[in-house]
Every structure is written in structure tokens, then in C-alpha cells.
Amino acid sequence: MPDVIVIGAGLAGLRCGGMLASQGLEVVMLEASDAVGGRQRTDIVDGFRLDRGFQVLNPAYPALRRSIDLDALALRSFPVGVRVRTAHGTAELRHPLRHPLSIIRTLRSGLVNGADAVALARWAAPALVRPLSRLAQDDVTVREGWDAAGLRGPLRTAVLEPFLAGVLAEDRGVTSNAFARLLVRYFVLGRPGLPAQGIAAVPEQLAAQARRAGAELRLGSPVAQVRSRGEGVQVEVADGDSLHAARVVVAVGPEAVDELTGLSTPATNGLQTWWFAAAEAPTSSALLTVDGRRRGPIVNTVVMTNTVPSYAPAGRHLIAATCLLPHGGDPSTESEVRRHLSGIWGTDVSAWELLRRDDIADALPAQPAPLEPARSPRFAARMYIAGDHRDTASIQGALASGERAARAVLVDAGIRE
């Protein structure tokens, strides 16, 4: 009988299982899919590397730095900034400390005035010096936070709102102000990018670590039921197999939480990403591009191969376009997306080949105001839960939640105080 069964081999489950195995516990990890990673997966399609939805990896995440050998990922970094389509063309806004020569161009763009710059500093500065627990005191929505800071001009409406819509997977401004500030802190401190082999390189590295520590990983093993039995927990696998362990960690996505734990299904936000192949790139810029005019469904688009050439075969380019995916609403259509892409890039995109469309209804757990603190991993006797829906909606949150669950198991097993 294993000491611990971990259900789910996403980032939280892999991190938890690896930590437990490294402490000498016998760990079995069950994953329903044919590969590890959960939402962090990469598929090869006609020679292109397509992540499951547009993703970025921020090396400033503390839990990522604790758990991953970043050098081994061959991380390619996006420029720290944003490219904005305006009524008069395009403008680029870059990190002023890293690109001081860009400040004059930014001021001439018409997107930043003195009042907005002061208001943005007033809003963002506390995140650089205060912990999240302090930021979350008297938390409000990000919309209310910007209003209170006096941020009301084009920097908000044409840059921050469309940019954060893609990051938060919502455009109503109802996300926690504290959480939005936290993300801005990570953007300021880090240079987000992607591994040369795709986002899947992160969970694959975690899986390799777990295996080296002695954990057993079983793919294609969906779990049908979890229940207490005697001095342990019984896990029923969908193929009829039954496993018994001293303890169980449920580290599944938000959509499966209720079925396996009886806890409420976490609220989520959805995203839709379109992947296009082109013979020529519409720009040499590697910046993420948003439409400051807000004339279509796309919240951001980027030429992936300008940052990560390995995402496409030689001589081809990969372009990603991401839209919001409303729950219960109509998703964007290909004709709408192509029309908007043509307007953003200022070029004919009719010859671009559609490689795939990713509709991810549970792309991110919702983080409404007021922001809740990270929740305890213990939910029943000898049962634990992990995932970014228990922490913050990010890779940081998933890894930190997996670590928290592992520490709880070790304490309850008497291995750690």
C-alpha cells in the first residue's frame, strides 16, 4: 500500500508528489490524460509547437525558482512591454527602467500623459514593497482600484484594460485589485518567456524529478471516486482498479473538484486561442500586441516565432491570437478573428493557415475581490487538495499550493513538525 496517492499530474500534483517522494514516502501519481502537465501542455501540429492556449512563464515566480532548473529550459524571453494598435498606427510602450531610451517615444505616443503616469505609479508602487496579505487588506476590484488612484486616461483604456483582459481572462474589471497588483509586480521583476520546447517542458521536468525521487507515475488513469476506508483512503480508478493508501492528495483542475471532493466547483474564466501559420511575419516586433481601439474580440496577439523560433519549422512563422471565452456565451468565430487580426496587424491575413483553435473554458480560476488568502490543503481526514484554485491563478499559485499540500502531509505523517 503506498503512503500517498496524488490524483492529477499538473503542476500542483507533480510538485507535491516530487516533494513527498524526496522525503522517502511511497508515492503513486494518477493522471487521467496521456501526458503530464494539465493546462501546461504542448502539442506538435504539422511541425509547429502549440501550447494549450497562449501561455508565458515568468522566472520571477518564487515557487518556480525553487522547483525548476530554469537554465535547462532554454527560456526565450519576450520584450517587457506592449505594442498598441491605435487609430493613428502603432505605438510601443516598454519597461522604462530596462529601456530608458524608449521613454521619449512613449510620451509621444499619445497613450501616456503626466496624470496617468503618476496615477499608475500610485496604484502599482505598493505592490513592490508590500506582501500580498497587506495588499489584500480592504481589497476592492481592479476597476475600483484604478478609479481610486485617478487612472482614467488612455493608458488605462487603450493599454492596461486590453492587456490585463488577456492576463486575467476577463474584461469587466471585477478581478481583485490586490491580485492584479501582484501580477504587475511579477511583470516588473521578471522577463516572461517560454521554453524552447514549449510550456510542457516545465511539467516534464517536474515529472522527471518526481520519478528520480521514487514516485510512480501512471498516465491514462482517470479516477472515478475517492472515499475513506478504515485507516486510509480508497481510490477507484475508472478502469475498475482499486487502490488504497494512507493519504490522498487531489490535485485536479477546477472542473473536477466537486466530483472527487464534494467541495464547490471553483469559478473560472475562459480563453480562446487561435494558432495561425504564415510564410511571412506581419512584424519583426516580438512585443505582445493589443488593440487600443477595442474593435474586435482579440485581447492580444503575438508573433511567437519572433521570440521562440523553435515553435515553427524553418522558414515559417507562428502567430497566436487570444480572445475571451464567455461562459454560456457565443465564442468568437474565425471570420471575426481574421477580420480583427487584419485590422491589428494592418495586413491581409487571408492566406494564413489556421492550425488549431483552443477553447479553454477553465483557463484560470476567477480571483474576485476581496481576494481570499491561500486555503488550507486539508479538506477531510487523510485527504488533501492542491491547485491554483486554492491559491492564486498562476503557475506560481499552482506550485505553491502543491508545496503547501506536501508540507501538510509530512506534518500529519509525523515526518516534519
Protein backbone atom coordinates (compact mmCIF):
# COMPACT_ATOMS: atom_id res chain seq x y z
CA MET A 1 0.00 0.00 0.00
CA PRO A 2 1.50 3.38 -0.99
CA ASP A 3 1.86 6.10 1.60
CA VAL A 4 0.26 8.72 -0.66
CA ILE A 5 -1.74 8.73 -3.87
CA VAL A 6 -1.64 12.00 -5.77
CA ILE A 7 -4.54 12.42 -8.21
CA GLY A 8 -3.57 14.70 -11.07
CA ALA A 9 -0.18 15.34 -12.67
CA GLY A 10 -0.49 19.04 -13.35
CA LEU A 11 1.98 21.46 -11.80
CA ALA A 12 0.48 21.24 -8.30
CA GLY A 13 0.31 17.46 -8.27
CA LEU A 14 3.78 16.98 -9.72
CA ARG A 15 5.37 19.38 -7.27
CA CYS A 16 3.55 17.77 -4.35
CA GLY A 17 4.37 14.22 -5.40
CA GLY A 18 8.02 15.03 -6.01
CA MET A 19 8.42 16.64 -2.59
CA LEU A 20 6.76 13.70 -0.83
CA ALA A 21 8.85 11.11 -2.66
CA SER A 22 12.04 13.02 -1.85
CA GLN A 23 11.20 12.55 1.84
CA GLY A 24 11.12 8.78 1.43
CA LEU A 25 7.36 8.27 1.11
CA GLU A 26 5.98 5.75 -1.38
CA VAL A 27 4.01 7.86 -3.83
CA VAL A 28 1.73 6.82 -6.70
CA MET A 29 0.58 9.57 -9.06
CA LEU A 30 -2.54 9.02 -11.20
CA GLU A 31 -3.13 11.18 -14.27
CA ALA A 32 -6.23 10.86 -16.46
CA SER A 33 -4.56 12.22 -19.59
CA ASP A 34 -1.89 10.66 -21.78
CA ALA A 35 0.70 13.22 -20.68
CA VAL A 36 1.61 15.26 -17.62
CA GLY A 37 1.00 18.99 -17.31
CA GLY A 38 -2.73 19.62 -17.11
CA ARG A 39 -3.20 23.06 -18.68
CA GLN A 40 0.56 23.28 -19.33
CA ARG A 41 0.81 21.09 -22.42
CA THR A 42 2.45 21.40 -25.82
CA ASP A 43 1.43 19.52 -28.95
CA ILE A 44 3.29 19.15 -32.24
CA VAL A 45 0.98 20.06 -35.14
CA ASP A 46 2.44 20.00 -38.66
CA GLY A 47 5.86 20.75 -37.19
CA PHE A 48 4.64 23.66 -35.04
CA ARG A 49 4.73 23.66 -31.24
CA LEU A 50 1.31 24.66 -29.98
CA ASP A 51 0.78 25.19 -26.27
CA ARG A 52 -2.73 24.60 -24.92
CA GLY A 53 -3.67 28.23 -25.20
CA PHE A 54 -1.24 31.15 -25.19
CA GLN A 55 0.97 30.95 -22.11
CA VAL A 56 4.03 32.63 -20.66
CA LEU A 57 6.44 31.62 -17.93
CA ASN A 58 7.68 34.27 -15.51
CA PRO A 59 11.05 33.42 -13.91
CA ALA A 60 10.29 35.90 -11.11
CA TYR A 61 7.82 33.44 -9.55
CA PRO A 62 9.44 32.32 -6.25
CA ALA A 63 7.93 28.82 -6.36
CA LEU A 64 9.16 28.35 -9.92
CA ARG A 65 12.70 29.28 -8.92
CA ARG A 66 12.53 26.80 -6.02
CA SER A 67 11.32 23.90 -8.12
CA ILE A 68 12.66 24.24 -11.67
CA ASP A 69 16.10 24.39 -13.28
CA LEU A 70 15.37 27.44 -15.41
CA ASP A 71 18.65 27.20 -17.31
CA ALA A 72 17.68 23.74 -18.55
CA LEU A 73 14.54 25.18 -20.17
CA ALA A 74 16.49 27.36 -22.63
CA LEU A 75 13.99 30.09 -21.85
CA ARG A 76 13.47 32.70 -24.57
CA SER A 77 12.15 35.97 -23.14
CA PHE A 78 9.56 38.31 -24.60
CA PRO A 79 10.40 42.02 -24.51
CA VAL A 80 9.00 43.67 -21.37
CA GLY A 81 6.39 45.94 -22.85
CA VAL A 82 3.34 46.05 -25.09
CA ARG A 83 2.61 47.10 -28.65
CA VAL A 84 -0.65 49.01 -29.09
CA ARG A 85 -2.69 49.45 -32.24
CA THR A 86 -4.15 52.95 -32.19
CA ALA A 87 -6.27 54.97 -34.56
CA HIS A 88 -3.05 56.52 -35.91
CA GLY A 89 -0.89 53.40 -36.30
CA THR A 90 1.05 51.55 -33.64
CA ALA A 91 2.91 52.57 -30.50
CA GLU A 92 5.29 50.60 -28.32
CA LEU A 93 5.42 51.02 -24.55
CA ARG A 94 8.45 49.38 -22.94
CA HIS A 95 9.69 48.93 -19.38
CA PRO A 96 11.14 52.41 -18.67
CA LEU A 97 13.96 51.15 -16.42
CA ARG A 98 15.11 48.45 -18.81
CA HIS A 99 14.61 50.57 -21.92
CA PRO A 100 15.23 54.18 -20.82
CA LEU A 101 15.68 55.34 -24.41
CA SER A 102 12.06 54.38 -25.09
CA ILE A 103 10.65 56.96 -22.64
CA ILE A 104 10.53 59.80 -25.18
CA ARG A 105 8.72 57.60 -27.74
CA THR A 106 6.28 56.54 -25.04
CA LEU A 107 5.47 60.14 -24.12
CA ARG A 108 4.97 60.99 -27.81
CA SER A 109 2.61 58.04 -28.34
CA GLY A 110 -0.41 59.89 -27.01
CA LEU A 111 -1.13 56.94 -24.72
CA VAL A 112 0.58 58.33 -21.62
CA ASN A 113 0.07 61.72 -20.04
CA GLY A 114 1.53 63.07 -16.84
CA ALA A 115 -1.59 62.47 -14.77
CA ASP A 116 -1.86 58.85 -15.92
CA ALA A 117 1.82 58.17 -15.26
CA VAL A 118 1.52 59.48 -11.69
CA ALA A 119 -1.71 57.54 -11.14
CA LEU A 120 -0.17 54.30 -12.42
CA ALA A 121 2.81 54.74 -10.09
CA ARG A 122 0.43 55.46 -7.20
CA TRP A 123 -1.50 52.26 -7.98
CA ALA A 124 1.42 49.92 -8.68
CA ALA A 125 4.10 51.09 -6.22
CA PRO A 126 2.64 49.39 -3.10
CA ALA A 127 2.96 46.00 -4.81
CA LEU A 128 6.74 46.40 -4.99
CA VAL A 129 7.18 46.76 -1.23
CA ARG A 130 4.18 45.09 0.44
CA PRO A 131 3.37 41.38 0.77
CA LEU A 132 0.16 40.08 -0.76
CA SER A 133 -1.51 39.87 2.66
CA ARG A 134 -1.07 43.63 3.06
CA LEU A 135 -2.25 44.36 -0.47
CA ALA A 136 -5.38 42.31 0.16
CA GLN A 137 -6.45 44.36 3.17
CA ASP A 138 -9.61 46.30 2.29
CA ASP A 139 -9.42 44.81 -1.20
CA VAL A 140 -11.64 46.13 -4.00
CA THR A 141 -11.99 45.32 -7.68
CA VAL A 142 -9.22 46.41 -10.03
CA ARG A 143 -11.69 48.79 -11.67
CA GLU A 144 -12.29 50.47 -8.32
CA GLY A 145 -8.56 50.45 -7.58
CA TRP A 146 -7.79 52.33 -10.79
CA ASP A 147 -10.59 54.80 -10.11
CA ALA A 148 -9.24 55.47 -6.62
CA ALA A 149 -5.74 56.05 -8.00
CA GLY A 150 -7.08 58.51 -10.58
CA LEU A 151 -6.11 56.30 -13.53
CA ARG A 152 -8.72 57.15 -16.15
CA GLY A 153 -6.99 58.17 -19.39
CA PRO A 154 -5.77 56.28 -22.47
CA LEU A 155 -3.08 54.45 -20.51
CA ARG A 156 -5.93 52.66 -18.79
CA THR A 157 -8.48 52.32 -21.58
CA ALA A 158 -6.15 51.58 -24.51
CA VAL A 159 -3.30 49.74 -22.78
CA LEU A 160 -3.94 48.34 -19.31
CA GLU A 161 -7.54 47.22 -19.79
CA PRO A 162 -6.96 45.22 -23.00
CA PHE A 163 -3.59 43.90 -21.77
CA LEU A 164 -4.91 42.68 -18.41
CA ALA A 165 -8.04 41.24 -20.05
CA GLY A 166 -5.80 38.62 -21.62
CA VAL A 167 -3.87 38.04 -18.40
CA LEU A 168 -6.93 37.80 -16.12
CA ALA A 169 -9.29 36.27 -18.72
CA GLU A 170 -11.96 38.89 -18.00
CA ASP A 171 -12.60 42.44 -19.20
CA ARG A 172 -15.16 43.74 -16.68
CA GLY A 173 -12.57 44.82 -14.12
CA VAL A 174 -14.04 42.63 -11.37
CA THR A 175 -10.80 40.85 -10.51
CA SER A 176 -9.17 41.58 -7.16
CA ASN A 177 -7.12 44.77 -7.17
CA ALA A 178 -4.57 43.08 -4.90
CA PHE A 179 -4.13 40.17 -7.32
CA ALA A 180 -3.75 42.50 -10.32
CA ARG A 181 -1.09 44.45 -8.43
CA LEU A 182 0.70 41.20 -7.57
CA LEU A 183 0.87 40.24 -11.24
CA VAL A 184 2.22 43.67 -12.14
CA ARG A 185 4.96 43.17 -9.52
CA TYR A 186 6.00 39.93 -11.20
CA PHE A 187 5.99 41.61 -14.62
CA VAL A 188 8.21 44.39 -13.28
CA LEU A 189 10.66 41.99 -11.63
CA GLY A 190 10.79 39.26 -14.27
CA ARG A 191 11.09 38.78 -18.01
CA PRO A 192 8.32 36.37 -19.03
CA GLY A 193 9.15 33.97 -21.80
CA LEU A 194 8.76 30.39 -22.99
CA PRO A 195 10.95 27.29 -23.01
CA ALA A 196 12.39 26.42 -26.40
CA GLN A 197 10.50 23.11 -26.34
CA GLY A 198 7.19 24.63 -25.25
CA ILE A 199 5.46 25.17 -21.93
CA ALA A 200 5.24 21.38 -21.47
CA ALA A 201 8.95 21.40 -20.62
CA VAL A 202 8.03 22.67 -17.14
CA PRO A 203 5.79 19.76 -16.05
CA GLU A 204 8.05 17.29 -17.84
CA GLN A 205 10.97 18.46 -15.71
CA LEU A 206 8.86 18.17 -12.55
CA ALA A 207 7.78 14.65 -13.58
CA ALA A 208 11.39 13.63 -14.14
CA GLN A 209 12.31 14.94 -10.68
CA ALA A 210 9.44 13.02 -9.10
CA ARG A 211 10.42 9.79 -10.84
CA ARG A 212 14.05 10.17 -9.78
CA ALA A 213 12.85 10.60 -6.20
CA GLY A 214 11.00 7.29 -6.48
CA ALA A 215 7.42 8.32 -7.31
CA GLU A 216 5.41 6.07 -9.63
CA LEU A 217 3.52 7.94 -12.35
CA ARG A 218 0.60 6.27 -14.11
CA LEU A 219 -0.85 8.03 -17.17
CA GLY A 220 -4.27 7.25 -18.63
CA SER A 221 -5.65 6.55 -15.16
CA PRO A 222 -8.77 8.67 -14.55
CA VAL A 223 -10.14 8.45 -11.02
CA ALA A 224 -13.84 7.83 -10.54
CA GLN A 225 -14.18 8.06 -6.76
CA VAL A 226 -12.27 8.80 -3.56
CA ARG A 227 -13.55 7.70 -0.15
CA SER A 228 -12.32 6.99 3.35
CA ARG A 229 -11.81 3.36 4.24
CA GLY A 230 -10.53 2.18 7.61
CA GLU A 231 -7.27 3.90 8.47
CA GLY A 232 -6.73 5.12 4.96
CA VAL A 233 -8.34 6.23 1.70
CA GLN A 234 -9.62 4.15 -1.21
CA VAL A 235 -9.27 5.40 -4.77
CA GLU A 236 -11.38 3.87 -7.54
CA VAL A 237 -9.82 4.18 -10.98
CA ALA A 238 -12.24 4.38 -13.91
CA ASP A 239 -10.95 1.12 -15.43
CA GLY A 240 -12.09 -0.77 -12.34
CA ASP A 241 -8.79 -0.86 -10.48
CA SER A 242 -8.94 -0.02 -6.78
CA LEU A 243 -6.04 1.45 -4.82
CA HIS A 244 -5.67 2.01 -1.10
CA ALA A 245 -3.28 4.49 0.52
CA ALA A 246 -2.66 6.07 3.88
CA ARG A 247 -3.37 9.52 2.39
CA VAL A 248 -4.61 11.08 -0.84
CA VAL A 249 -3.89 14.45 -2.45
CA VAL A 250 -6.47 15.61 -5.02
CA ALA A 251 -4.68 17.90 -7.47
CA VAL A 252 -7.14 18.08 -10.35
CA GLY A 253 -8.38 21.03 -12.38
CA PRO A 254 -11.27 23.19 -11.18
CA GLU A 255 -13.78 21.31 -13.34
CA ALA A 256 -13.20 18.01 -11.46
CA VAL A 257 -13.00 19.32 -7.88
CA ASP A 258 -16.65 18.80 -6.94
CA GLU A 259 -16.83 15.24 -8.31
CA LEU A 260 -13.83 13.99 -6.32
CA THR A 261 -14.01 16.07 -3.15
CA GLY A 262 -17.58 17.27 -2.70
CA LEU A 263 -16.25 20.84 -2.43
CA SER A 264 -17.82 23.60 -4.51
CA THR A 265 -16.60 23.89 -8.08
CA PRO A 266 -14.27 26.92 -8.26
CA ALA A 267 -15.40 29.74 -10.51
CA THR A 268 -13.23 30.09 -13.62
CA ASN A 269 -12.65 32.37 -16.59
CA GLY A 270 -12.23 31.09 -20.13
CA LEU A 271 -9.88 31.91 -23.00
CA GLN A 272 -9.83 31.02 -26.67
CA THR A 273 -6.54 30.94 -28.59
CA TRP A 274 -6.20 30.75 -32.37
CA TRP A 275 -2.93 29.48 -33.86
CA PHE A 276 -2.03 30.61 -37.38
CA ALA A 277 0.90 29.70 -39.64
CA ALA A 278 2.28 32.24 -42.11
CA ALA A 279 5.09 32.34 -44.65
CA GLU A 280 5.96 35.88 -43.58
CA ALA A 281 5.64 37.55 -40.19
CA PRO A 282 3.40 40.63 -40.08
CA THR A 283 6.05 42.44 -37.99
CA SER A 284 9.58 42.00 -36.74
CA SER A 285 8.45 43.06 -33.26
CA ALA A 286 8.31 40.41 -30.54
CA LEU A 287 6.06 42.52 -28.29
CA LEU A 288 2.61 41.35 -27.31
CA THR A 289 0.13 43.46 -29.28
CA VAL A 290 -3.26 44.74 -28.09
CA ASP A 291 -5.90 46.80 -29.85
CA GLY A 292 -6.27 50.10 -28.04
CA ARG A 293 -9.29 50.86 -30.22
CA ARG A 294 -11.11 47.72 -28.94
CA ARG A 295 -12.57 46.94 -32.37
CA GLY A 296 -12.91 43.17 -32.15
CA PRO A 297 -12.74 40.06 -29.99
CA ILE A 298 -8.96 39.68 -29.78
CA VAL A 299 -7.43 40.71 -26.44
CA ASN A 300 -3.85 40.08 -27.55
CA THR A 301 -1.85 38.71 -30.44
CA VAL A 302 1.84 37.99 -30.90
CA VAL A 303 4.26 36.56 -33.43
CA MET A 304 5.54 33.65 -31.37
CA THR A 305 8.49 32.90 -33.64
CA ASN A 306 9.96 36.37 -33.17
CA THR A 307 10.73 35.25 -29.61
CA VAL A 308 10.81 31.43 -29.81
CA PRO A 309 11.87 30.38 -33.34
CA SER A 310 11.71 26.72 -32.34
CA TYR A 311 7.90 26.95 -32.23
CA ALA A 312 7.79 26.69 -36.03
CA PRO A 313 9.58 24.83 -38.84
CA ALA A 314 12.36 26.72 -40.59
CA GLY A 315 11.04 29.46 -42.84
CA ARG A 316 7.58 29.55 -41.24
CA HIS A 317 6.05 31.80 -38.60
CA LEU A 318 3.54 31.12 -35.83
CA ILE A 319 1.05 33.78 -34.76
CA ALA A 320 -1.19 33.45 -31.71
CA ALA A 321 -4.42 35.39 -31.19
CA THR A 322 -6.33 35.14 -27.92
CA CYS A 323 -9.96 36.06 -27.18
CA LEU A 324 -12.09 35.82 -24.08
CA LEU A 325 -14.30 32.73 -23.92
CA PRO A 326 -17.52 33.68 -22.12
CA HIS A 327 -19.33 31.04 -20.08
CA GLY A 328 -22.64 30.39 -21.76
CA GLY A 329 -21.92 32.93 -24.48
CA ASP A 330 -21.05 32.57 -28.14
CA PRO A 331 -17.33 32.09 -28.82
CA SER A 332 -15.61 34.21 -31.43
CA THR A 333 -15.76 32.93 -34.99
CA GLU A 334 -12.87 32.53 -37.41
CA SER A 335 -14.19 35.29 -39.67
CA GLU A 336 -14.39 37.71 -36.73
CA VAL A 337 -10.88 36.80 -35.60
CA ARG A 338 -9.37 37.13 -39.10
CA ARG A 339 -11.08 40.48 -39.61
CA HIS A 340 -9.72 41.76 -36.30
CA LEU A 341 -6.24 40.36 -36.97
CA SER A 342 -6.14 42.18 -40.30
CA GLY A 343 -7.02 45.43 -38.54
CA ILE A 344 -4.47 44.97 -35.76
CA TRP A 345 -1.58 43.95 -37.98
CA GLY A 346 -2.54 46.16 -40.94
CA THR A 347 -2.09 43.36 -43.43
CA ASP A 348 -4.05 40.75 -45.36
CA VAL A 349 -4.24 37.55 -43.27
CA SER A 350 -6.47 35.52 -45.59
CA ALA A 351 -3.55 33.29 -46.60
CA TRP A 352 -2.65 32.43 -43.02
CA GLU A 353 -3.28 28.77 -42.26
CA LEU A 354 -5.36 28.02 -39.18
CA LEU A 355 -3.53 25.26 -37.33
CA ARG A 356 -5.80 24.91 -34.31
CA ARG A 357 -8.26 26.69 -32.04
CA ASP A 358 -8.04 26.10 -28.29
CA ASP A 359 -11.24 26.74 -26.34
CA ILE A 360 -10.29 26.51 -22.66
CA ALA A 361 -13.37 27.13 -20.54
CA ASP A 362 -11.45 26.74 -17.28
CA ALA A 363 -8.31 28.60 -18.31
CA LEU A 364 -7.91 30.43 -14.98
CA PRO A 365 -9.63 30.35 -11.61
CA ALA A 366 -11.51 33.59 -11.06
CA GLN A 367 -9.96 35.92 -8.48
CA PRO A 368 -12.78 38.25 -7.42
CA ALA A 369 -12.46 40.91 -4.77
CA PRO A 370 -11.90 40.66 -1.90
CA LEU A 371 -9.01 38.28 -2.51
CA GLU A 372 -9.17 35.20 -0.31
CA PRO A 373 -5.98 34.00 1.41
CA ALA A 374 -4.46 30.71 0.30
CA ARG A 375 -6.75 27.97 1.58
CA SER A 376 -5.77 25.01 3.73
CA PRO A 377 -4.98 21.84 1.77
CA ARG A 378 -6.81 19.67 4.34
CA PHE A 379 -10.46 19.01 3.44
CA ALA A 380 -11.20 15.64 5.08
CA ALA A 381 -9.47 13.03 7.22
CA ARG A 382 -6.29 11.95 5.40
CA MET A 383 -7.40 13.86 2.31
CA TYR A 384 -5.80 16.98 0.86
CA ILE A 385 -6.38 19.26 -2.12
CA ALA A 386 -3.97 21.28 -4.25
CA GLY A 387 -4.21 23.54 -7.29
CA ASP A 388 -4.05 27.19 -8.29
CA HIS A 389 -7.75 27.43 -7.41
CA ARG A 390 -6.59 27.10 -3.76
CA ASP A 391 -4.01 29.88 -4.08
CA THR A 392 -3.54 32.42 -6.86
CA ALA A 393 -4.50 31.88 -10.51
CA SER A 394 -0.99 31.39 -11.86
CA ILE A 395 1.87 28.96 -12.27
CA GLN A 396 3.17 30.43 -9.02
CA GLY A 397 -0.13 29.59 -7.31
CA ALA A 398 -0.20 26.03 -8.61
CA LEU A 399 3.35 25.25 -7.48
CA ALA A 400 2.92 26.96 -4.10
CA SER A 401 -0.31 25.04 -3.49
CA GLY A 402 1.43 21.74 -4.29
CA GLU A 403 4.18 22.62 -1.82
CA ARG A 404 1.64 23.51 0.85
CA ALA A 405 -0.18 20.19 0.41
CA ALA A 406 3.09 18.26 0.62
CA ARG A 407 4.05 20.02 3.85
CA ALA A 408 0.64 19.22 5.37
CA VAL A 409 1.02 15.54 4.50
CA LEU A 410 4.51 15.43 6.01
CA VAL A 411 3.34 17.09 9.22
CA ASP A 412 0.35 14.75 9.58
CA ALA A 413 2.55 11.74 8.88
CA GLY A 414 4.91 12.80 11.64
CA ILE A 415 7.84 13.33 9.29
CA ARG A 416 8.02 17.10 9.74
CA GLU A 417 6.88 19.35 12.56
